[in-house]
Amino acid sequence: MVKITVCIEGMACGMCEAHINEAVRNAFRVKKVTSSHTKKQTVIIAEQDIPEQELKDVVAKTGYRAEAVDSEPYEAVKSLRGRLKSMRR
């Protein structure tokens, strides 16, 4: 899995965040997407990396501007219950 962080200019409120999240979900297969207008960023968790230019194009179509895109490997954190189960084995 991969964690993609996108710096976005132009978001001003919760509706802006929802607009970006919906556009990303409709354009790509993602596990999770969250946006923050105060942090000026969107964080995407996906099975596979998303091409930077395609992501920037989707954001641009919403009326916002993707400044920078950063990708890094992502490993889901096991819950405490899951960790305890694996320790018992």
C-alpha atoms as a PDB file:
ATOM      1  CA  MET A   1       0.000   0.000   0.000  1.00  0.00           C
ATOM      2  CA  VAL A   2       1.010   3.594  -0.478  1.00  0.00           C
ATOM      3  CA  LYS A   3       0.345   6.850   1.351  1.00  0.00           C
ATOM      4  CA  ILE A   4       0.109   9.871  -0.935  1.00  0.00           C
ATOM      5  CA  THR A   5       0.162  13.370   0.527  1.00  0.00           C
ATOM      6  CA  VAL A   6      -0.916  16.209  -1.747  1.00  0.00           C
ATOM      7  CA  CYS A   7      -0.418  19.883  -0.853  1.00  0.00           C
ATOM      8  CA  ILE A   8      -3.481  21.726  -2.152  1.00  0.00           C
ATOM      9  CA  GLU A   9      -4.040  25.465  -2.528  1.00  0.00           C
ATOM     10  CA  GLY A  10      -7.505  26.978  -2.500  1.00  0.00           C
ATOM     11  CA  MET A  11      -9.410  24.922   0.080  1.00  0.00           C
ATOM     12  CA  ALA A  12     -11.214  27.179   2.566  1.00  0.00           C
ATOM     13  CA  CYS A  13     -13.784  25.029   4.396  1.00  0.00           C
ATOM     14  CA  GLY A  14     -15.220  21.573   5.031  1.00  0.00           C
ATOM     15  CA  MET A  15     -17.159  21.642   1.773  1.00  0.00           C
ATOM     16  CA  CYS A  16     -13.893  22.203  -0.101  1.00  0.00           C
ATOM     17  CA  GLU A  17     -12.467  19.139   1.644  1.00  0.00           C
ATOM     18  CA  ALA A  18     -15.523  17.076   0.700  1.00  0.00           C
ATOM     19  CA  HIS A  19     -15.280  18.249  -2.913  1.00  0.00           C
ATOM     20  CA  ILE A  20     -11.647  17.101  -3.187  1.00  0.00           C
ATOM     21  CA  ASN A  21     -12.358  13.789  -1.417  1.00  0.00           C
ATOM     22  CA  GLU A  22     -15.259  12.990  -3.747  1.00  0.00           C
ATOM     23  CA  ALA A  23     -13.240  13.842  -6.869  1.00  0.00           C
ATOM     24  CA  VAL A  24     -10.357  11.585  -5.761  1.00  0.00           C
ATOM     25  CA  ARG A  25     -12.711   8.698  -4.874  1.00  0.00           C
ATOM     26  CA  ASN A  26     -14.469   8.973  -8.245  1.00  0.00           C
ATOM     27  CA  ALA A  27     -11.223   9.072 -10.242  1.00  0.00           C
ATOM     28  CA  PHE A  28      -9.087   6.460  -8.481  1.00  0.00           C
ATOM     29  CA  ARG A  29      -9.379   3.248  -6.483  1.00  0.00           C
ATOM     30  CA  VAL A  30      -8.480   4.351  -2.979  1.00  0.00           C
ATOM     31  CA  LYS A  31      -8.837   2.786   0.454  1.00  0.00           C
ATOM     32  CA  LYS A  32      -9.140   6.119   2.261  1.00  0.00           C
ATOM     33  CA  VAL A  33      -8.943   9.835   1.471  1.00  0.00           C
ATOM     34  CA  THR A  34      -9.000  12.718   3.928  1.00  0.00           C
ATOM     35  CA  SER A  35      -8.491  16.421   3.332  1.00  0.00           C
ATOM     36  CA  SER A  36      -7.767  19.320   5.652  1.00  0.00           C
ATOM     37  CA  HIS A  37      -8.209  22.915   4.548  1.00  0.00           C
ATOM     38  CA  THR A  38      -6.273  24.121   7.602  1.00  0.00           C
ATOM     39  CA  LYS A  39      -3.271  21.908   6.766  1.00  0.00           C
ATOM     40  CA  LYS A  40      -3.780  22.550   3.027  1.00  0.00           C
ATOM     41  CA  GLN A  41      -3.377  18.879   2.248  1.00  0.00           C
ATOM     42  CA  THR A  42      -5.088  15.692   1.172  1.00  0.00           C
ATOM     43  CA  VAL A  43      -3.870  12.276   2.327  1.00  0.00           C
ATOM     44  CA  ILE A  44      -4.715   9.236   0.223  1.00  0.00           C
ATOM     45  CA  ILE A  45      -4.225   5.581   1.147  1.00  0.00           C
ATOM     46  CA  ALA A  46      -4.280   3.317  -1.913  1.00  0.00           C
ATOM     47  CA  GLU A  47      -3.188  -0.163  -2.944  1.00  0.00           C
ATOM     48  CA  GLN A  48      -1.101   1.242  -5.808  1.00  0.00           C
ATOM     49  CA  ASP A  49       0.627   4.547  -6.460  1.00  0.00           C
ATOM     50  CA  ILE A  50      -1.342   7.143  -8.431  1.00  0.00           C
ATOM     51  CA  PRO A  51       0.507   8.952 -11.231  1.00  0.00           C
ATOM     52  CA  GLU A  52       1.289  12.487 -10.046  1.00  0.00           C
ATOM     53  CA  GLN A  53       0.078  14.269 -13.175  1.00  0.00           C
ATOM     54  CA  GLU A  54      -3.232  12.375 -13.198  1.00  0.00           C
ATOM     55  CA  LEU A  55      -3.790  13.325  -9.568  1.00  0.00           C
ATOM     56  CA  LYS A  56      -2.938  16.984 -10.264  1.00  0.00           C
ATOM     57  CA  ASP A  57      -5.351  16.977 -13.223  1.00  0.00           C
ATOM     58  CA  VAL A  58      -8.217  15.639 -11.083  1.00  0.00           C
ATOM     59  CA  VAL A  59      -7.557  18.288  -8.431  1.00  0.00           C
ATOM     60  CA  ALA A  60      -7.366  21.032 -11.088  1.00  0.00           C
ATOM     61  CA  LYS A  61     -10.780  20.022 -12.464  1.00  0.00           C
ATOM     62  CA  THR A  62     -12.273  20.760  -9.029  1.00  0.00           C
ATOM     63  CA  GLY A  63     -10.945  24.319  -9.122  1.00  0.00           C
ATOM     64  CA  TYR A  64      -8.076  23.823  -6.659  1.00  0.00           C
ATOM     65  CA  ARG A  65      -4.348  23.522  -7.309  1.00  0.00           C
ATOM     66  CA  ALA A  66      -2.142  20.581  -6.308  1.00  0.00           C
ATOM     67  CA  GLU A  67       1.260  22.023  -5.433  1.00  0.00           C
ATOM     68  CA  ALA A  68       3.306  19.005  -4.403  1.00  0.00           C
ATOM     69  CA  VAL A  69       2.721  15.257  -4.300  1.00  0.00           C
ATOM     70  CA  ASP A  70       4.668  12.938  -1.993  1.00  0.00           C
ATOM     71  CA  SER A  71       4.358   9.143  -1.937  1.00  0.00           C
ATOM     72  CA  GLU A  72       5.657   6.722   0.661  1.00  0.00           C
ATOM     73  CA  PRO A  73       5.052   3.078   1.570  1.00  0.00           C
ATOM     74  CA  TYR A  74       2.181   2.592   4.002  1.00  0.00           C
ATOM     75  CA  GLU A  75       1.570  -0.236   6.407  1.00  0.00           C
ATOM     76  CA  ALA A  76      -1.699  -0.298   8.297  1.00  0.00           C
ATOM     77  CA  VAL A  77      -1.288  -0.241  12.046  1.00  0.00           C
ATOM     78  CA  LYS A  78      -2.770  -3.278  13.728  1.00  0.00           C
ATOM     79  CA  SER A  79      -5.250  -2.647  16.485  1.00  0.00           C
ATOM     80  CA  LEU A  80      -4.288  -3.577  20.023  1.00  0.00           C
ATOM     81  CA  ARG A  81      -6.574  -6.590  19.759  1.00  0.00           C
ATOM     82  CA  GLY A  82      -4.834  -7.739  16.566  1.00  0.00           C
ATOM     83  CA  ARG A  83      -1.407  -7.357  18.143  1.00  0.00           C
ATOM     84  CA  LEU A  84      -2.455  -9.370  21.198  1.00  0.00           C
ATOM     85  CA  LYS A  85      -3.776 -12.180  18.992  1.00  0.00           C
ATOM     86  CA  SER A  86      -0.504 -12.415  17.072  1.00  0.00           C
ATOM     87  CA  MET A  87       1.488 -12.450  20.349  1.00  0.00           C
ATOM     88  CA  ARG A  88      -0.505 -15.445  21.646  1.00  0.00           C
ATOM     89  CA  ARG A  89       0.412 -17.602  18.661  1.00  0.00           C
END
